[in-house]
Amino acid sequence: MGVFGLLRNNNGKLDIHMKNFNLNKENSLKEKAVSLLFKIIQKMDSNIIMNILRNGEKILLVI
């Protein structure tokens, strides 16, 4: 199981957050998860996303 997320870093830029993944063994899973996360985000209203991130919250996909 791992967590992928989108968050705002200290510079105000967006980062992908990955935790608990063995990147060598799970590359295809990582790519699928990141792809799914971005598909979900693309369907969301950008103002909602920016408000979530502005408040220091994270958008997470747990698989």
C-alpha atoms as a PDB file:
ATOM      1  CA  MET A   1       0.000   0.000   0.000  1.00  0.00           C
ATOM      2  CA  GLY A   2       1.180   3.501  -0.701  1.00  0.00           C
ATOM      3  CA  VAL A   3       0.060   7.093  -0.788  1.00  0.00           C
ATOM      4  CA  PHE A   4       0.249   9.527  -3.678  1.00  0.00           C
ATOM      5  CA  GLY A   5      -0.724  13.108  -3.213  1.00  0.00           C
ATOM      6  CA  LEU A   6      -0.585  16.603  -4.549  1.00  0.00           C
ATOM      7  CA  LEU A   7       0.527  19.361  -2.224  1.00  0.00           C
ATOM      8  CA  ARG A   8       1.923  22.868  -2.311  1.00  0.00           C
ATOM      9  CA  ASN A   9       5.571  23.185  -1.273  1.00  0.00           C
ATOM     10  CA  ASN A  10       7.210  26.144   0.491  1.00  0.00           C
ATOM     11  CA  ASN A  11       7.887  27.865  -2.834  1.00  0.00           C
ATOM     12  CA  GLY A  12       4.193  27.822  -3.743  1.00  0.00           C
ATOM     13  CA  LYS A  13       4.703  25.158  -6.426  1.00  0.00           C
ATOM     14  CA  LEU A  14       2.829  21.883  -6.662  1.00  0.00           C
ATOM     15  CA  ASP A  15       4.596  18.648  -5.752  1.00  0.00           C
ATOM     16  CA  ILE A  16       3.660  15.009  -6.058  1.00  0.00           C
ATOM     17  CA  HIS A  17       3.999  13.323  -2.693  1.00  0.00           C
ATOM     18  CA  MET A  18       4.818   9.589  -2.657  1.00  0.00           C
ATOM     19  CA  LYS A  19       5.150   7.468   0.455  1.00  0.00           C
ATOM     20  CA  ASN A  20       5.638   3.775   1.213  1.00  0.00           C
ATOM     21  CA  PHE A  21       6.522   2.639  -2.294  1.00  0.00           C
ATOM     22  CA  ASN A  22       9.474   0.628  -3.531  1.00  0.00           C
ATOM     23  CA  LEU A  23      10.068   2.658  -6.677  1.00  0.00           C
ATOM     24  CA  ASN A  24      12.053  -0.074  -8.442  1.00  0.00           C
ATOM     25  CA  LYS A  25       9.489  -2.839  -8.032  1.00  0.00           C
ATOM     26  CA  GLU A  26       6.338  -0.783  -8.323  1.00  0.00           C
ATOM     27  CA  ASN A  27       7.034   1.600 -11.202  1.00  0.00           C
ATOM     28  CA  SER A  28       4.022   0.502 -13.249  1.00  0.00           C
ATOM     29  CA  LEU A  29       1.785   0.809 -10.187  1.00  0.00           C
ATOM     30  CA  LYS A  30       3.248   4.249  -9.472  1.00  0.00           C
ATOM     31  CA  GLU A  31       2.624   5.385 -13.043  1.00  0.00           C
ATOM     32  CA  LYS A  32      -0.975   4.128 -12.932  1.00  0.00           C
ATOM     33  CA  ALA A  33      -1.611   5.823  -9.601  1.00  0.00           C
ATOM     34  CA  VAL A  34      -0.153   9.149 -10.727  1.00  0.00           C
ATOM     35  CA  SER A  35      -2.150   8.937 -13.956  1.00  0.00           C
ATOM     36  CA  LEU A  36      -5.361   8.227 -12.013  1.00  0.00           C
ATOM     37  CA  LEU A  37      -4.645  11.045  -9.561  1.00  0.00           C
ATOM     38  CA  PHE A  38      -4.199  13.548 -12.377  1.00  0.00           C
ATOM     39  CA  LYS A  39      -7.354  12.333 -14.167  1.00  0.00           C
ATOM     40  CA  ILE A  40      -9.309  12.929 -10.965  1.00  0.00           C
ATOM     41  CA  ILE A  41      -7.728  16.354 -10.501  1.00  0.00           C
ATOM     42  CA  GLN A  42      -8.422  17.359 -14.101  1.00  0.00           C
ATOM     43  CA  LYS A  43     -12.132  16.689 -13.546  1.00  0.00           C
ATOM     44  CA  MET A  44     -12.200  18.818 -10.400  1.00  0.00           C
ATOM     45  CA  ASP A  45     -12.694  22.561 -10.536  1.00  0.00           C
ATOM     46  CA  SER A  46      -9.273  24.242 -10.408  1.00  0.00           C
ATOM     47  CA  ASN A  47     -10.501  26.839  -7.895  1.00  0.00           C
ATOM     48  CA  ILE A  48     -11.484  24.064  -5.486  1.00  0.00           C
ATOM     49  CA  ILE A  49      -8.074  22.425  -5.883  1.00  0.00           C
ATOM     50  CA  MET A  50      -6.219  25.680  -5.305  1.00  0.00           C
ATOM     51  CA  ASN A  51      -8.344  26.431  -2.219  1.00  0.00           C
ATOM     52  CA  ILE A  52      -7.576  22.995  -0.777  1.00  0.00           C
ATOM     53  CA  LEU A  53      -3.862  23.437  -1.403  1.00  0.00           C
ATOM     54  CA  ARG A  54      -3.825  27.073  -0.239  1.00  0.00           C
ATOM     55  CA  ASN A  55      -5.176  25.931   3.113  1.00  0.00           C
ATOM     56  CA  GLY A  56      -2.278  23.505   3.464  1.00  0.00           C
ATOM     57  CA  GLU A  57      -4.392  20.438   2.792  1.00  0.00           C
ATOM     58  CA  LYS A  58      -3.294  17.578   0.562  1.00  0.00           C
ATOM     59  CA  ILE A  59      -5.158  15.739  -2.161  1.00  0.00           C
ATOM     60  CA  LEU A  60      -4.307  12.081  -1.553  1.00  0.00           C
ATOM     61  CA  LEU A  61      -4.856   8.833  -3.415  1.00  0.00           C
ATOM     62  CA  VAL A  62      -4.286   5.811  -1.159  1.00  0.00           C
ATOM     63  CA  ILE A  63      -3.808   2.477  -2.899  1.00  0.00           C
END
